[in-house]
Amino acid sequence: MNRFTSKNGTAIPSVSHVNGIVGDLRYLRKDKTIAPLYINTNPNQLDIERQEKLIDALVKFGYKTFLSYSITINNKPFMLKNSSHYADHHHHLHLNKQGYNSNYIEIKEK
């Protein structure tokens, strides 16, 4: 599940994914395939190092908080950095609108 908005700015049926700010990204797998990953049933397949580097990059871009899913790794509770547990987010990372402050420079073609 990788989802932001359609070209008209909507994301039906989601009402929170409007105008390309809020989005969902599949979790990154250790095997580096694009297959879906359900971290509630296969937590050891989550590539935590790459996932948290992606989160760091998204923070630099202007995102501050994410919705994820609390899992158990090595018999200990684990939550991705800058993330809060949210039901039904066991198969994707949700980029939150709260606290978003775009940190990029738009380059226009001449």
N, C-alpha and C. Protein backbone atom coordinates (compact mmCIF):
# COMPACT_ATOMS: atom_id res chain seq x y z
N MET A 1 0.84 -1.18 0.00
CA MET A 1 0.00 0.00 0.00
C MET A 1 0.88 1.24 0.00
N ASN A 2 0.99 1.88 -1.09
CA ASN A 2 1.62 3.20 -1.20
C ASN A 2 0.55 4.10 -1.75
N ARG A 3 0.14 5.06 -0.96
CA ARG A 3 -1.00 5.87 -1.37
C ARG A 3 -0.88 7.30 -0.88
N PHE A 4 -1.06 8.22 -1.80
CA PHE A 4 -1.17 9.64 -1.45
C PHE A 4 -2.50 10.12 -2.01
N THR A 5 -2.48 10.86 -3.11
CA THR A 5 -3.73 11.36 -3.68
C THR A 5 -3.74 11.16 -5.19
N SER A 6 -4.93 11.28 -5.73
CA SER A 6 -5.06 11.24 -7.18
C SER A 6 -4.73 12.61 -7.75
N LYS A 7 -4.70 12.72 -9.08
CA LYS A 7 -4.32 14.00 -9.69
C LYS A 7 -5.30 15.13 -9.40
N ASN A 8 -6.54 14.79 -8.95
CA ASN A 8 -7.49 15.85 -8.62
C ASN A 8 -7.41 16.24 -7.14
N GLY A 9 -6.44 15.68 -6.39
CA GLY A 9 -6.23 16.08 -5.01
C GLY A 9 -7.04 15.31 -3.98
N THR A 10 -7.81 14.32 -4.41
CA THR A 10 -8.60 13.53 -3.46
C THR A 10 -7.99 12.14 -3.31
N ALA A 11 -8.42 11.44 -2.31
CA ALA A 11 -7.93 10.08 -2.07
C ALA A 11 -9.07 9.20 -1.58
N ILE A 12 -10.13 9.17 -2.33
CA ILE A 12 -11.31 8.39 -1.94
C ILE A 12 -10.90 6.94 -1.77
N PRO A 13 -11.26 6.26 -0.69
CA PRO A 13 -12.26 6.65 0.30
C PRO A 13 -11.69 7.43 1.48
N SER A 14 -10.37 7.62 1.55
CA SER A 14 -9.79 8.32 2.68
C SER A 14 -10.14 9.80 2.65
N VAL A 15 -10.50 10.32 3.82
CA VAL A 15 -10.76 11.76 3.91
C VAL A 15 -9.55 12.51 4.48
N SER A 16 -8.54 11.75 4.95
CA SER A 16 -7.37 12.41 5.52
C SER A 16 -6.25 12.60 4.50
N HIS A 17 -6.32 11.93 3.37
CA HIS A 17 -5.26 12.02 2.36
C HIS A 17 -5.68 13.02 1.29
N VAL A 18 -5.48 14.28 1.57
CA VAL A 18 -5.92 15.32 0.64
C VAL A 18 -4.73 16.18 0.22
N ASN A 19 -4.66 16.51 -1.05
CA ASN A 19 -3.66 17.42 -1.61
C ASN A 19 -2.21 16.96 -1.45
N GLY A 20 -1.99 15.66 -1.34
CA GLY A 20 -0.63 15.12 -1.37
C GLY A 20 0.21 15.32 -0.14
N ILE A 21 -0.34 15.80 0.95
CA ILE A 21 0.46 15.99 2.17
C ILE A 21 0.51 14.71 2.98
N VAL A 22 -0.63 14.10 3.22
CA VAL A 22 -0.72 12.89 4.02
C VAL A 22 -0.60 11.69 3.08
N GLY A 23 0.15 10.68 3.52
CA GLY A 23 0.31 9.52 2.66
C GLY A 23 0.64 8.26 3.43
N ASP A 24 0.59 7.14 2.74
CA ASP A 24 0.91 5.84 3.31
C ASP A 24 2.03 5.21 2.50
N LEU A 25 2.97 4.58 3.19
CA LEU A 25 4.07 3.88 2.54
C LEU A 25 4.19 2.48 3.12
N ARG A 26 4.42 1.50 2.26
CA ARG A 26 4.67 0.14 2.74
C ARG A 26 5.92 0.13 3.62
N TYR A 27 5.92 -0.80 4.56
CA TYR A 27 7.12 -1.00 5.37
C TYR A 27 8.22 -1.60 4.52
N LEU A 28 9.47 -1.26 4.83
CA LEU A 28 10.61 -1.78 4.10
C LEU A 28 11.01 -3.14 4.65
N ARG A 29 11.17 -4.07 3.75
CA ARG A 29 11.47 -5.45 4.11
C ARG A 29 12.98 -5.72 4.09
N LYS A 30 13.42 -6.66 4.93
CA LYS A 30 14.82 -7.05 4.92
C LYS A 30 15.23 -7.67 3.59
N ASP A 31 14.30 -8.38 2.94
CA ASP A 31 14.65 -9.01 1.66
C ASP A 31 14.60 -8.02 0.49
N LYS A 32 14.26 -6.77 0.77
CA LYS A 32 14.23 -5.67 -0.19
C LYS A 32 13.26 -5.88 -1.35
N THR A 33 12.30 -6.78 -1.19
CA THR A 33 11.26 -6.92 -2.20
C THR A 33 10.18 -5.88 -1.94
N ILE A 34 9.28 -5.73 -2.91
CA ILE A 34 8.19 -4.76 -2.74
C ILE A 34 6.92 -5.44 -2.25
N ALA A 35 7.03 -6.69 -1.87
CA ALA A 35 5.86 -7.41 -1.36
C ALA A 35 5.37 -6.75 -0.08
N PRO A 36 4.06 -6.78 0.16
CA PRO A 36 3.54 -6.22 1.41
C PRO A 36 4.16 -6.89 2.63
N LEU A 37 4.25 -6.15 3.71
CA LEU A 37 4.76 -6.68 4.97
C LEU A 37 3.77 -6.35 6.08
N TYR A 38 3.32 -7.37 6.77
CA TYR A 38 2.42 -7.21 7.91
C TYR A 38 3.28 -7.38 9.16
N ILE A 39 3.65 -6.26 9.76
CA ILE A 39 4.60 -6.31 10.87
C ILE A 39 4.00 -6.92 12.14
N ASN A 40 2.68 -7.05 12.19
CA ASN A 40 2.07 -7.69 13.35
C ASN A 40 2.28 -9.20 13.32
N THR A 41 2.43 -9.78 12.13
CA THR A 41 2.62 -11.23 12.03
C THR A 41 4.05 -11.60 11.62
N ASN A 42 4.79 -10.69 11.01
CA ASN A 42 6.17 -10.94 10.57
C ASN A 42 7.11 -9.80 10.98
N PRO A 43 7.17 -9.49 12.27
CA PRO A 43 7.97 -8.33 12.69
C PRO A 43 9.45 -8.45 12.36
N ASN A 44 9.98 -9.67 12.31
CA ASN A 44 11.40 -9.84 12.05
C ASN A 44 11.77 -9.59 10.59
N GLN A 45 10.78 -9.42 9.73
CA GLN A 45 11.06 -9.09 8.32
C GLN A 45 11.22 -7.58 8.11
N LEU A 46 10.87 -6.78 9.12
CA LEU A 46 10.99 -5.32 9.01
C LEU A 46 12.47 -4.92 9.03
N ASP A 47 12.90 -4.17 8.03
CA ASP A 47 14.26 -3.66 7.98
C ASP A 47 14.28 -2.34 8.76
N ILE A 48 14.50 -2.46 10.05
CA ILE A 48 14.40 -1.31 10.95
C ILE A 48 15.41 -0.22 10.58
N GLU A 49 16.63 -0.60 10.25
CA GLU A 49 17.65 0.40 9.92
C GLU A 49 17.25 1.23 8.70
N ARG A 50 16.84 0.58 7.63
CA ARG A 50 16.42 1.33 6.43
C ARG A 50 15.14 2.11 6.69
N GLN A 51 14.20 1.51 7.45
CA GLN A 51 12.94 2.18 7.72
C GLN A 51 13.17 3.46 8.51
N GLU A 52 14.05 3.40 9.49
CA GLU A 52 14.30 4.59 10.30
C GLU A 52 15.13 5.63 9.54
N LYS A 53 15.95 5.21 8.60
CA LYS A 53 16.65 6.17 7.72
C LYS A 53 15.63 6.89 6.84
N LEU A 54 14.63 6.15 6.36
CA LEU A 54 13.58 6.77 5.56
C LEU A 54 12.81 7.78 6.41
N ILE A 55 12.49 7.41 7.65
CA ILE A 55 11.80 8.33 8.56
C ILE A 55 12.65 9.58 8.77
N ASP A 56 13.97 9.42 8.96
CA ASP A 56 14.86 10.58 9.12
C ASP A 56 14.78 11.49 7.90
N ALA A 57 14.77 10.90 6.70
CA ALA A 57 14.68 11.70 5.48
C ALA A 57 13.35 12.43 5.39
N LEU A 58 12.27 11.76 5.79
CA LEU A 58 10.95 12.40 5.77
C LEU A 58 10.86 13.54 6.78
N VAL A 59 11.54 13.38 7.92
CA VAL A 59 11.59 14.46 8.91
C VAL A 59 12.32 15.66 8.33
N LYS A 60 13.41 15.43 7.61
CA LYS A 60 14.13 16.53 6.97
C LYS A 60 13.25 17.24 5.94
N PHE A 61 12.36 16.48 5.32
CA PHE A 61 11.46 17.05 4.31
C PHE A 61 10.33 17.86 4.96
N GLY A 62 10.06 17.63 6.24
CA GLY A 62 9.05 18.43 6.94
C GLY A 62 8.04 17.64 7.76
N TYR A 63 8.07 16.31 7.67
CA TYR A 63 7.15 15.51 8.48
C TYR A 63 7.71 15.38 9.88
N LYS A 64 6.83 15.38 10.87
CA LYS A 64 7.28 15.30 12.26
C LYS A 64 6.81 14.01 12.94
N THR A 65 5.60 13.56 12.62
CA THR A 65 5.05 12.40 13.31
C THR A 65 4.47 11.42 12.30
N PHE A 66 4.42 10.16 12.73
CA PHE A 66 3.97 9.08 11.88
C PHE A 66 3.06 8.15 12.68
N LEU A 67 2.19 7.46 11.99
CA LEU A 67 1.37 6.43 12.62
C LEU A 67 1.91 5.09 12.14
N SER A 68 2.12 4.20 13.09
CA SER A 68 2.67 2.89 12.80
C SER A 68 1.94 1.87 13.66
N TYR A 69 2.61 0.80 14.00
CA TYR A 69 2.00 -0.28 14.75
C TYR A 69 3.04 -0.82 15.73
N SER A 70 2.68 -0.93 16.98
CA SER A 70 3.58 -1.44 18.00
C SER A 70 3.77 -2.95 17.80
N ILE A 71 5.03 -3.38 17.78
CA ILE A 71 5.32 -4.80 17.57
C ILE A 71 6.26 -5.29 18.66
N THR A 72 6.51 -6.58 18.66
CA THR A 72 7.45 -7.19 19.59
C THR A 72 8.61 -7.77 18.80
N ILE A 73 9.83 -7.35 19.16
CA ILE A 73 11.04 -7.88 18.54
C ILE A 73 11.97 -8.32 19.67
N ASN A 74 12.45 -9.55 19.58
CA ASN A 74 13.30 -10.13 20.64
C ASN A 74 12.63 -10.03 22.01
N ASN A 75 11.34 -10.32 22.03
CA ASN A 75 10.54 -10.32 23.27
C ASN A 75 10.44 -8.96 23.94
N LYS A 76 10.67 -7.88 23.18
CA LYS A 76 10.55 -6.53 23.72
C LYS A 76 9.64 -5.71 22.83
N PRO A 77 8.82 -4.83 23.43
CA PRO A 77 7.97 -3.96 22.62
C PRO A 77 8.85 -3.01 21.79
N PHE A 78 8.42 -2.75 20.57
CA PHE A 78 9.19 -1.89 19.68
C PHE A 78 8.25 -0.98 18.90
N MET A 79 8.67 0.28 18.77
CA MET A 79 7.93 1.27 18.00
C MET A 79 8.94 2.05 17.16
N LEU A 80 8.63 2.24 15.89
CA LEU A 80 9.50 3.03 15.04
C LEU A 80 9.62 4.45 15.58
N LYS A 81 10.76 5.08 15.35
CA LYS A 81 11.00 6.43 15.85
C LYS A 81 9.96 7.40 15.31
N ASN A 82 9.63 8.38 16.11
CA ASN A 82 8.68 9.45 15.78
C ASN A 82 7.29 8.92 15.46
N SER A 83 6.99 7.70 15.88
CA SER A 83 5.71 7.07 15.53
C SER A 83 4.88 6.78 16.75
N SER A 84 3.58 6.74 16.52
CA SER A 84 2.61 6.34 17.54
C SER A 84 1.86 5.13 17.03
N HIS A 85 1.48 4.27 17.96
CA HIS A 85 0.71 3.09 17.60
C HIS A 85 -0.69 3.52 17.15
N TYR A 86 -1.14 2.90 16.08
CA TYR A 86 -2.48 3.17 15.58
C TYR A 86 -3.03 1.90 14.96
N ALA A 87 -4.26 1.55 15.31
CA ALA A 87 -4.89 0.34 14.79
C ALA A 87 -4.89 0.34 13.27
N ASP A 88 -4.83 -0.82 12.69
CA ASP A 88 -4.87 -1.02 11.24
C ASP A 88 -3.69 -0.40 10.50
N HIS A 89 -2.60 -0.14 11.18
CA HIS A 89 -1.40 0.37 10.52
C HIS A 89 -0.27 -0.65 10.62
N HIS A 90 -0.66 -1.93 10.64
CA HIS A 90 0.30 -3.03 10.70
C HIS A 90 0.89 -3.34 9.33
N HIS A 91 0.38 -2.70 8.27
CA HIS A 91 0.90 -2.97 6.93
C HIS A 91 1.38 -1.71 6.21
N HIS A 92 1.39 -0.57 6.90
CA HIS A 92 1.91 0.64 6.28
C HIS A 92 2.25 1.71 7.32
N LEU A 93 3.17 2.57 6.94
CA LEU A 93 3.55 3.74 7.73
C LEU A 93 2.74 4.92 7.21
N HIS A 94 2.10 5.63 8.11
CA HIS A 94 1.26 6.76 7.74
C HIS A 94 2.00 8.05 8.04
N LEU A 95 2.15 8.91 7.03
CA LEU A 95 2.77 10.21 7.20
C LEU A 95 1.70 11.18 7.66
N ASN A 96 1.89 11.74 8.85
CA ASN A 96 0.88 12.60 9.48
C ASN A 96 0.92 14.03 8.97
N LYS A 97 -0.24 14.64 8.93
CA LYS A 97 -0.35 16.06 8.60
C LYS A 97 0.01 16.92 9.82
N GLN A 98 -0.29 16.41 11.04
CA GLN A 98 -0.02 17.18 12.25
C GLN A 98 1.47 17.47 12.35
N GLY A 99 1.80 18.73 12.48
CA GLY A 99 3.18 19.14 12.62
C GLY A 99 3.93 19.26 11.31
N TYR A 100 3.28 18.90 10.20
CA TYR A 100 3.97 18.97 8.90
C TYR A 100 4.29 20.42 8.57
N ASN A 101 5.52 20.65 8.21
CA ASN A 101 5.97 21.98 7.82
C ASN A 101 6.96 21.77 6.68
N SER A 102 6.48 21.94 5.47
CA SER A 102 7.31 21.61 4.31
C SER A 102 8.66 22.29 4.39
N ASN A 103 9.67 21.53 4.10
CA ASN A 103 11.03 22.01 4.18
C ASN A 103 11.73 21.69 2.87
N TYR A 104 11.28 22.36 1.83
CA TYR A 104 11.88 22.16 0.52
C TYR A 104 11.77 23.45 -0.27
N ILE A 105 12.55 23.52 -1.32
CA ILE A 105 12.53 24.68 -2.19
C ILE A 105 11.99 24.21 -3.54
N GLU A 106 10.94 24.85 -4.00
CA GLU A 106 10.36 24.50 -5.29
C GLU A 106 11.18 25.15 -6.40
N ILE A 107 11.62 24.35 -7.33
CA ILE A 107 12.39 24.85 -8.48
C ILE A 107 11.46 24.83 -9.70
N LYS A 108 11.25 25.98 -10.26
CA LYS A 108 10.34 26.09 -11.40
C LYS A 108 11.13 26.11 -12.70
N GLU A 109 10.58 25.45 -13.70
CA GLU A 109 11.23 25.44 -15.02
C GLU A 109 11.12 26.83 -15.63
N LYS A 110 12.12 27.19 -16.39
CA LYS A 110 12.11 28.50 -17.05
C LYS A 110 11.63 28.36 -18.47
